[in-house]
């Protein structure tokens, strides 16, 4: 009789652990949980899969929430040996709808509207620059 109670206890414990792990898996925070109403306006990814992969994003948001911008950038895709750049603009300001590769990723006429640049380098180092074109 004691062995049966132990097996029932062990079964309930395993089920509770599975429920706890599933809850943790499906309730992870994501981009939609961030404050700031982030909206992706444009995205560029080069076609070179054998060399450095470059991701460039143009994002609008409602307020200058610097820590939220960095968290948003951390959610964006990054590849080992590649580079990810996220340009942030305030909603309602001029925003580029086409991005390209290289050091200049959009038309310089949008530089004054850019409030921040998040960058993740090939080595995984991240940085956020406030008002990168001023």
C-alpha atoms as a PDB file:
ATOM      1  CA  UNK A   1       0.000   0.000   0.000  1.00  0.00           C
ATOM      2  CA  UNK A   2       2.902   2.401   0.769  1.00  0.00           C
ATOM      3  CA  UNK A   3       4.418   1.882  -2.697  1.00  0.00           C
ATOM      4  CA  UNK A   4       1.103   2.826  -4.353  1.00  0.00           C
ATOM      5  CA  UNK A   5       0.869   6.120  -2.395  1.00  0.00           C
ATOM      6  CA  UNK A   6       4.473   6.939  -3.286  1.00  0.00           C
ATOM      7  CA  UNK A   7       3.773   6.329  -7.005  1.00  0.00           C
ATOM      8  CA  UNK A   8       0.673   8.563  -6.869  1.00  0.00           C
ATOM      9  CA  UNK A   9       2.659  11.299  -5.102  1.00  0.00           C
ATOM     10  CA  UNK A  10       5.466  10.986  -7.658  1.00  0.00           C
ATOM     11  CA  UNK A  11       2.977  11.117 -10.563  1.00  0.00           C
ATOM     12  CA  UNK A  12       1.309  14.267  -9.179  1.00  0.00           C
ATOM     13  CA  UNK A  13       4.728  15.867  -8.661  1.00  0.00           C
ATOM     14  CA  UNK A  14       5.736  15.115 -12.267  1.00  0.00           C
ATOM     15  CA  UNK A  15       2.445  16.542 -13.593  1.00  0.00           C
ATOM     16  CA  UNK A  16       2.877  19.723 -11.511  1.00  0.00           C
ATOM     17  CA  UNK A  17       6.437  20.140 -12.783  1.00  0.00           C
ATOM     18  CA  UNK A  18       5.261  19.726 -16.378  1.00  0.00           C
ATOM     19  CA  UNK A  19       2.511  22.325 -15.877  1.00  0.00           C
ATOM     20  CA  UNK A  20       5.021  24.740 -14.307  1.00  0.00           C
ATOM     21  CA  UNK A  21       7.485  24.307 -17.218  1.00  0.00           C
ATOM     22  CA  UNK A  22       4.753  24.703 -19.853  1.00  0.00           C
ATOM     23  CA  UNK A  23       3.487  27.874 -18.151  1.00  0.00           C
ATOM     24  CA  UNK A  24       7.014  29.294 -18.184  1.00  0.00           C
ATOM     25  CA  UNK A  25       7.454  28.371 -21.834  1.00  0.00           C
ATOM     26  CA  UNK A  26       4.254  29.985 -23.081  1.00  0.00           C
ATOM     27  CA  UNK A  27       4.312  33.144 -20.938  1.00  0.00           C
ATOM     28  CA  UNK A  28       7.716  34.520 -21.973  1.00  0.00           C
ATOM     29  CA  UNK A  29       7.775  38.302 -22.497  1.00  0.00           C
ATOM     30  CA  UNK A  30       8.010  39.541 -26.066  1.00  0.00           C
ATOM     31  CA  UNK A  31       7.990  42.686 -28.175  1.00  0.00           C
ATOM     32  CA  UNK A  32       4.244  43.131 -27.702  1.00  0.00           C
ATOM     33  CA  UNK A  33       4.772  43.463 -23.929  1.00  0.00           C
ATOM     34  CA  UNK A  34       7.008  46.541 -24.271  1.00  0.00           C
ATOM     35  CA  UNK A  35       5.728  50.045 -23.625  1.00  0.00           C
ATOM     36  CA  UNK A  36       6.153  52.542 -26.419  1.00  0.00           C
ATOM     37  CA  UNK A  37       3.950  51.192 -29.224  1.00  0.00           C
ATOM     38  CA  UNK A  38       6.828  50.019 -31.421  1.00  0.00           C
ATOM     39  CA  UNK A  39       5.981  49.713 -35.114  1.00  0.00           C
ATOM     40  CA  UNK A  40       8.337  48.308 -37.731  1.00  0.00           C
ATOM     41  CA  UNK A  41       8.222  50.541 -40.820  1.00  0.00           C
ATOM     42  CA  UNK A  42      11.056  49.079 -42.897  1.00  0.00           C
ATOM     43  CA  UNK A  43      13.462  46.128 -42.795  1.00  0.00           C
ATOM     44  CA  UNK A  44      16.521  45.220 -44.842  1.00  0.00           C
ATOM     45  CA  UNK A  45      18.423  41.933 -44.837  1.00  0.00           C
ATOM     46  CA  UNK A  46      21.180  41.252 -47.330  1.00  0.00           C
ATOM     47  CA  UNK A  47      20.984  38.100 -49.413  1.00  0.00           C
ATOM     48  CA  UNK A  48      24.498  36.945 -48.550  1.00  0.00           C
ATOM     49  CA  UNK A  49      24.110  33.788 -46.479  1.00  0.00           C
ATOM     50  CA  UNK A  50      27.797  32.856 -46.657  1.00  0.00           C
ATOM     51  CA  UNK A  51      29.248  36.124 -45.372  1.00  0.00           C
ATOM     52  CA  UNK A  52      28.199  38.644 -42.761  1.00  0.00           C
ATOM     53  CA  UNK A  53      24.429  38.963 -42.577  1.00  0.00           C
ATOM     54  CA  UNK A  54      23.236  42.512 -42.057  1.00  0.00           C
ATOM     55  CA  UNK A  55      19.822  43.340 -40.580  1.00  0.00           C
ATOM     56  CA  UNK A  56      18.627  46.968 -40.611  1.00  0.00           C
ATOM     57  CA  UNK A  57      15.296  48.102 -39.145  1.00  0.00           C
ATOM     58  CA  UNK A  58      13.422  51.421 -39.073  1.00  0.00           C
ATOM     59  CA  UNK A  59      11.066  51.575 -36.078  1.00  0.00           C
ATOM     60  CA  UNK A  60       8.607  54.182 -34.837  1.00  0.00           C
ATOM     61  CA  UNK A  61       7.601  54.614 -31.203  1.00  0.00           C
ATOM     62  CA  UNK A  62       5.540  57.063 -29.188  1.00  0.00           C
ATOM     63  CA  UNK A  63       8.125  58.175 -26.602  1.00  0.00           C
ATOM     64  CA  UNK A  64      11.878  58.146 -25.894  1.00  0.00           C
ATOM     65  CA  UNK A  65      12.024  55.117 -23.607  1.00  0.00           C
ATOM     66  CA  UNK A  66      15.749  54.352 -23.844  1.00  0.00           C
ATOM     67  CA  UNK A  67      15.732  51.097 -21.866  1.00  0.00           C
ATOM     68  CA  UNK A  68      12.716  49.854 -23.831  1.00  0.00           C
ATOM     69  CA  UNK A  69      14.549  50.638 -27.080  1.00  0.00           C
ATOM     70  CA  UNK A  70      17.501  48.526 -25.998  1.00  0.00           C
ATOM     71  CA  UNK A  71      15.214  45.673 -24.985  1.00  0.00           C
ATOM     72  CA  UNK A  72      13.416  45.947 -28.339  1.00  0.00           C
ATOM     73  CA  UNK A  73      16.746  45.748 -30.153  1.00  0.00           C
ATOM     74  CA  UNK A  74      17.689  42.648 -28.178  1.00  0.00           C
ATOM     75  CA  UNK A  75      14.542  40.932 -29.487  1.00  0.00           C
ATOM     76  CA  UNK A  76      15.544  41.520 -33.116  1.00  0.00           C
ATOM     77  CA  UNK A  77      17.324  38.760 -35.079  1.00  0.00           C
ATOM     78  CA  UNK A  78      21.095  38.595 -35.031  1.00  0.00           C
ATOM     79  CA  UNK A  79      23.509  36.182 -36.670  1.00  0.00           C
ATOM     80  CA  UNK A  80      26.991  35.232 -35.582  1.00  0.00           C
ATOM     81  CA  UNK A  81      29.386  37.245 -37.676  1.00  0.00           C
ATOM     82  CA  UNK A  82      26.608  39.604 -38.766  1.00  0.00           C
ATOM     83  CA  UNK A  83      25.426  43.017 -37.695  1.00  0.00           C
ATOM     84  CA  UNK A  84      22.010  44.288 -36.587  1.00  0.00           C
ATOM     85  CA  UNK A  85      21.041  47.973 -36.608  1.00  0.00           C
ATOM     86  CA  UNK A  86      17.738  49.374 -35.380  1.00  0.00           C
ATOM     87  CA  UNK A  87      16.954  53.035 -36.086  1.00  0.00           C
ATOM     88  CA  UNK A  88      14.265  54.602 -33.891  1.00  0.00           C
ATOM     89  CA  UNK A  89      11.959  57.464 -34.912  1.00  0.00           C
ATOM     90  CA  UNK A  90       9.125  59.208 -33.045  1.00  0.00           C
ATOM     91  CA  UNK A  91       5.655  58.479 -34.468  1.00  0.00           C
ATOM     92  CA  UNK A  92       4.577  61.235 -36.815  1.00  0.00           C
ATOM     93  CA  UNK A  93       8.113  62.213 -37.831  1.00  0.00           C
ATOM     94  CA  UNK A  94       9.531  61.420 -41.279  1.00  0.00           C
ATOM     95  CA  UNK A  95      10.634  57.776 -41.443  1.00  0.00           C
ATOM     96  CA  UNK A  96      12.474  56.008 -44.294  1.00  0.00           C
ATOM     97  CA  UNK A  97      10.446  53.228 -45.880  1.00  0.00           C
ATOM     98  CA  UNK A  98      13.442  51.780 -47.743  1.00  0.00           C
ATOM     99  CA  UNK A  99      16.706  50.688 -46.157  1.00  0.00           C
ATOM    100  CA  UNK A 100      19.964  49.502 -47.657  1.00  0.00           C
ATOM    101  CA  UNK A 101      23.334  47.978 -46.745  1.00  0.00           C
ATOM    102  CA  UNK A 102      26.543  49.699 -45.708  1.00  0.00           C
ATOM    103  CA  UNK A 103      27.297  52.575 -43.374  1.00  0.00           C
ATOM    104  CA  UNK A 104      24.489  54.800 -44.677  1.00  0.00           C
ATOM    105  CA  UNK A 105      21.334  52.732 -44.489  1.00  0.00           C
ATOM    106  CA  UNK A 106      18.817  55.352 -45.606  1.00  0.00           C
ATOM    107  CA  UNK A 107      18.522  58.764 -47.255  1.00  0.00           C
ATOM    108  CA  UNK A 108      20.377  61.382 -45.133  1.00  0.00           C
ATOM    109  CA  UNK A 109      17.301  63.642 -45.201  1.00  0.00           C
ATOM    110  CA  UNK A 110      15.874  61.433 -42.408  1.00  0.00           C
ATOM    111  CA  UNK A 111      18.925  61.872 -40.138  1.00  0.00           C
ATOM    112  CA  UNK A 112      17.402  64.710 -38.055  1.00  0.00           C
ATOM    113  CA  UNK A 113      14.314  62.612 -37.249  1.00  0.00           C
ATOM    114  CA  UNK A 114      16.336  59.631 -35.936  1.00  0.00           C
ATOM    115  CA  UNK A 115      16.357  59.670 -32.123  1.00  0.00           C
ATOM    116  CA  UNK A 116      18.372  56.517 -31.430  1.00  0.00           C
ATOM    117  CA  UNK A 117      20.435  53.765 -33.017  1.00  0.00           C
ATOM    118  CA  UNK A 118      20.685  50.305 -31.466  1.00  0.00           C
ATOM    119  CA  UNK A 119      23.537  48.238 -32.812  1.00  0.00           C
ATOM    120  CA  UNK A 120      24.600  44.654 -32.175  1.00  0.00           C
ATOM    121  CA  UNK A 121      28.022  43.872 -33.582  1.00  0.00           C
ATOM    122  CA  UNK A 122      29.387  40.650 -35.020  1.00  0.00           C
ATOM    123  CA  UNK A 123      30.840  39.771 -31.606  1.00  0.00           C
ATOM    124  CA  UNK A 124      27.469  40.243 -29.896  1.00  0.00           C
ATOM    125  CA  UNK A 125      28.322  43.600 -28.277  1.00  0.00           C
ATOM    126  CA  UNK A 126      25.320  45.883 -28.033  1.00  0.00           C
ATOM    127  CA  UNK A 127      25.137  49.665 -27.879  1.00  0.00           C
ATOM    128  CA  UNK A 128      22.474  52.315 -28.073  1.00  0.00           C
ATOM    129  CA  UNK A 129      23.377  55.788 -29.311  1.00  0.00           C
ATOM    130  CA  UNK A 130      21.036  58.673 -28.533  1.00  0.00           C
ATOM    131  CA  UNK A 131      20.635  61.112 -31.438  1.00  0.00           C
ATOM    132  CA  UNK A 132      23.309  59.402 -33.598  1.00  0.00           C
ATOM    133  CA  UNK A 133      23.329  62.035 -36.353  1.00  0.00           C
ATOM    134  CA  UNK A 134      23.665  65.179 -34.213  1.00  0.00           C
END
